[in-house]
Amino acid sequence: MLASQRDVGERQRDQMLADLAEKDIVRQHIKKLKALFDAYDADRNGTVDAPELSKALETYNFYLTSEQTYYTSAPPAPPRPARAPRRPRPPRAQCSTTSTSTART
């Protein structure tokens, strides 16, 4: 029984180390993506505008047509209107607990 407990403990440790390694890889990718984003956000406003995106894509030999640039720079859709508040539900009818059954003989 002691050997099987040791096996379970080793598997849990191995899984925990694998999870930590995976989280470290994700953190590294996020850091690389953040650096790449910052490299193309020329005006440092926290967004990549159409001209910045066009320039970034040209770096990788992708060229946008003027029509594609237009759709890229189109203003965002207006916010959706707020939902009307829900009306409160009417109170439920109370059920009677008295029984009116009659015994048949």
C-alpha atoms as a PDB file:
ATOM      1  CA  MET A   1       0.000   0.000   0.000  1.00  0.00           C
ATOM      2  CA  LEU A   2       2.894   2.332   0.703  1.00  0.00           C
ATOM      3  CA  ALA A   3       4.244   1.840  -2.832  1.00  0.00           C
ATOM      4  CA  SER A   4       0.904   2.747  -4.417  1.00  0.00           C
ATOM      5  CA  GLN A   5       0.667   5.903  -2.282  1.00  0.00           C
ATOM      6  CA  ARG A   6       4.156   6.823  -3.446  1.00  0.00           C
ATOM      7  CA  ASP A   7       3.091   6.304  -7.089  1.00  0.00           C
ATOM      8  CA  VAL A   8       0.077   8.566  -6.592  1.00  0.00           C
ATOM      9  CA  GLY A   9       2.269  11.210  -4.964  1.00  0.00           C
ATOM     10  CA  GLU A  10       4.782  11.052  -7.811  1.00  0.00           C
ATOM     11  CA  ARG A  11       2.041  11.353 -10.426  1.00  0.00           C
ATOM     12  CA  GLN A  12       0.589  14.370  -8.633  1.00  0.00           C
ATOM     13  CA  ARG A  13       4.043  15.958  -8.410  1.00  0.00           C
ATOM     14  CA  ASP A  14       4.700  15.273 -12.102  1.00  0.00           C
ATOM     15  CA  GLN A  15       1.324  16.770 -13.054  1.00  0.00           C
ATOM     16  CA  MET A  16       1.986  19.826 -10.915  1.00  0.00           C
ATOM     17  CA  LEU A  17       5.409  20.342 -12.549  1.00  0.00           C
ATOM     18  CA  ALA A  18       3.848  19.947 -16.008  1.00  0.00           C
ATOM     19  CA  ASP A  19       1.174  22.531 -15.122  1.00  0.00           C
ATOM     20  CA  LEU A  20       3.829  24.967 -13.898  1.00  0.00           C
ATOM     21  CA  ALA A  21       5.872  24.484 -17.069  1.00  0.00           C
ATOM     22  CA  GLU A  22       2.776  25.085 -19.203  1.00  0.00           C
ATOM     23  CA  LYS A  23       1.941  28.266 -17.288  1.00  0.00           C
ATOM     24  CA  ASP A  24       5.529  29.455 -17.750  1.00  0.00           C
ATOM     25  CA  ILE A  25       5.283  28.879 -21.517  1.00  0.00           C
ATOM     26  CA  VAL A  26       2.012  30.825 -21.645  1.00  0.00           C
ATOM     27  CA  ARG A  27       3.597  33.705 -19.703  1.00  0.00           C
ATOM     28  CA  GLN A  28       6.533  33.756 -22.144  1.00  0.00           C
ATOM     29  CA  HIS A  29       4.165  33.890 -25.134  1.00  0.00           C
ATOM     30  CA  ILE A  30       2.153  36.701 -23.566  1.00  0.00           C
ATOM     31  CA  LYS A  31       5.356  38.638 -22.911  1.00  0.00           C
ATOM     32  CA  LYS A  32       6.433  38.190 -26.558  1.00  0.00           C
ATOM     33  CA  LEU A  33       3.013  39.247 -27.855  1.00  0.00           C
ATOM     34  CA  LYS A  34       3.041  42.324 -25.600  1.00  0.00           C
ATOM     35  CA  ALA A  35       6.491  43.309 -26.916  1.00  0.00           C
ATOM     36  CA  LEU A  36       5.306  42.821 -30.499  1.00  0.00           C
ATOM     37  CA  PHE A  37       2.188  44.912 -29.848  1.00  0.00           C
ATOM     38  CA  ASP A  38       4.260  47.675 -28.235  1.00  0.00           C
ATOM     39  CA  ALA A  39       6.634  47.674 -31.214  1.00  0.00           C
ATOM     40  CA  TYR A  40       3.788  48.523 -33.622  1.00  0.00           C
ATOM     41  CA  ASP A  41       1.761  50.834 -31.371  1.00  0.00           C
ATOM     42  CA  ALA A  42       3.672  53.877 -32.611  1.00  0.00           C
ATOM     43  CA  ASP A  43       1.652  56.541 -30.782  1.00  0.00           C
ATOM     44  CA  ARG A  44       1.547  54.482 -27.556  1.00  0.00           C
ATOM     45  CA  ASN A  45      -2.199  54.937 -27.118  1.00  0.00           C
ATOM     46  CA  GLY A  46      -2.839  51.258 -26.324  1.00  0.00           C
ATOM     47  CA  THR A  47      -4.402  50.443 -29.699  1.00  0.00           C
ATOM     48  CA  VAL A  48      -3.036  49.516 -33.101  1.00  0.00           C
ATOM     49  CA  ASP A  49      -4.702  51.857 -35.576  1.00  0.00           C
ATOM     50  CA  ALA A  50      -5.170  51.100 -39.269  1.00  0.00           C
ATOM     51  CA  PRO A  51      -1.918  52.787 -40.393  1.00  0.00           C
ATOM     52  CA  GLU A  52       0.017  51.011 -37.626  1.00  0.00           C
ATOM     53  CA  LEU A  53      -1.541  47.667 -38.571  1.00  0.00           C
ATOM     54  CA  SER A  54      -0.800  48.275 -42.240  1.00  0.00           C
ATOM     55  CA  LYS A  55       2.832  49.037 -41.436  1.00  0.00           C
ATOM     56  CA  ALA A  56       3.111  45.968 -39.179  1.00  0.00           C
ATOM     57  CA  LEU A  57       1.699  43.714 -41.881  1.00  0.00           C
ATOM     58  CA  GLU A  58       4.016  45.214 -44.506  1.00  0.00           C
ATOM     59  CA  THR A  59       6.915  44.134 -42.306  1.00  0.00           C
ATOM     60  CA  TYR A  60       5.817  40.555 -42.994  1.00  0.00           C
ATOM     61  CA  ASN A  61       5.114  41.217 -46.709  1.00  0.00           C
ATOM     62  CA  PHE A  62       1.339  41.484 -46.370  1.00  0.00           C
ATOM     63  CA  TYR A  63      -0.093  44.547 -48.068  1.00  0.00           C
ATOM     64  CA  LEU A  64      -3.578  45.900 -47.464  1.00  0.00           C
ATOM     65  CA  THR A  65      -5.607  47.453 -50.258  1.00  0.00           C
ATOM     66  CA  SER A  66      -7.208  50.830 -49.633  1.00  0.00           C
ATOM     67  CA  GLU A  67     -10.563  49.084 -49.223  1.00  0.00           C
ATOM     68  CA  GLN A  68      -9.152  46.724 -46.580  1.00  0.00           C
ATOM     69  CA  THR A  69      -7.561  49.662 -44.796  1.00  0.00           C
ATOM     70  CA  TYR A  70     -10.924  51.445 -44.836  1.00  0.00           C
ATOM     71  CA  TYR A  71     -12.694  48.502 -43.213  1.00  0.00           C
ATOM     72  CA  THR A  72      -9.873  48.152 -40.710  1.00  0.00           C
ATOM     73  CA  SER A  73     -10.209  51.785 -39.686  1.00  0.00           C
ATOM     74  CA  ALA A  74     -14.003  51.896 -39.623  1.00  0.00           C
ATOM     75  CA  PRO A  75     -15.366  53.311 -36.389  1.00  0.00           C
ATOM     76  CA  PRO A  76     -16.551  50.767 -33.873  1.00  0.00           C
ATOM     77  CA  ALA A  77     -20.213  49.880 -33.762  1.00  0.00           C
ATOM     78  CA  PRO A  78     -22.285  52.048 -31.451  1.00  0.00           C
ATOM     79  CA  PRO A  79     -22.902  50.609 -28.017  1.00  0.00           C
ATOM     80  CA  ARG A  80     -26.006  48.527 -27.611  1.00  0.00           C
ATOM     81  CA  PRO A  81     -28.848  50.267 -25.815  1.00  0.00           C
ATOM     82  CA  ALA A  82     -29.301  49.380 -22.196  1.00  0.00           C
ATOM     83  CA  ARG A  83     -31.917  46.798 -21.456  1.00  0.00           C
ATOM     84  CA  ALA A  84     -35.103  47.977 -19.869  1.00  0.00           C
ATOM     85  CA  PRO A  85     -35.349  46.875 -16.261  1.00  0.00           C
ATOM     86  CA  ARG A  86     -37.504  43.854 -15.663  1.00  0.00           C
ATOM     87  CA  ARG A  87     -40.874  44.323 -14.104  1.00  0.00           C
ATOM     88  CA  PRO A  88     -41.275  42.611 -10.767  1.00  0.00           C
ATOM     89  CA  ARG A  89     -43.218  39.380 -10.858  1.00  0.00           C
ATOM     90  CA  PRO A  90     -46.631  39.350  -9.271  1.00  0.00           C
ATOM     91  CA  PRO A  91     -46.782  37.339  -6.066  1.00  0.00           C
ATOM     92  CA  ARG A  92     -47.642  33.701  -6.499  1.00  0.00           C
ATOM     93  CA  ALA A  93     -51.037  32.465  -5.409  1.00  0.00           C
ATOM     94  CA  GLN A  94     -50.951  30.594  -2.149  1.00  0.00           C
ATOM     95  CA  CYS A  95     -52.086  27.004  -2.299  1.00  0.00           C
ATOM     96  CA  SER A  96     -54.545  25.808   0.293  1.00  0.00           C
ATOM     97  CA  THR A  97     -53.291  22.968   2.448  1.00  0.00           C
ATOM     98  CA  THR A  98     -56.701  21.795   3.613  1.00  0.00           C
ATOM     99  CA  SER A  99     -58.099  18.755   1.892  1.00  0.00           C
ATOM    100  CA  THR A 100     -61.721  18.628   0.785  1.00  0.00           C
ATOM    101  CA  SER A 101     -61.802  15.019  -0.253  1.00  0.00           C
ATOM    102  CA  THR A 102     -64.687  12.892   0.883  1.00  0.00           C
ATOM    103  CA  ALA A 103     -64.519   9.239   1.605  1.00  0.00           C
ATOM    104  CA  ARG A 104     -66.753   7.032  -0.483  1.00  0.00           C
ATOM    105  CA  THR A 105     -68.177   3.940   0.965  1.00  0.00           C
END
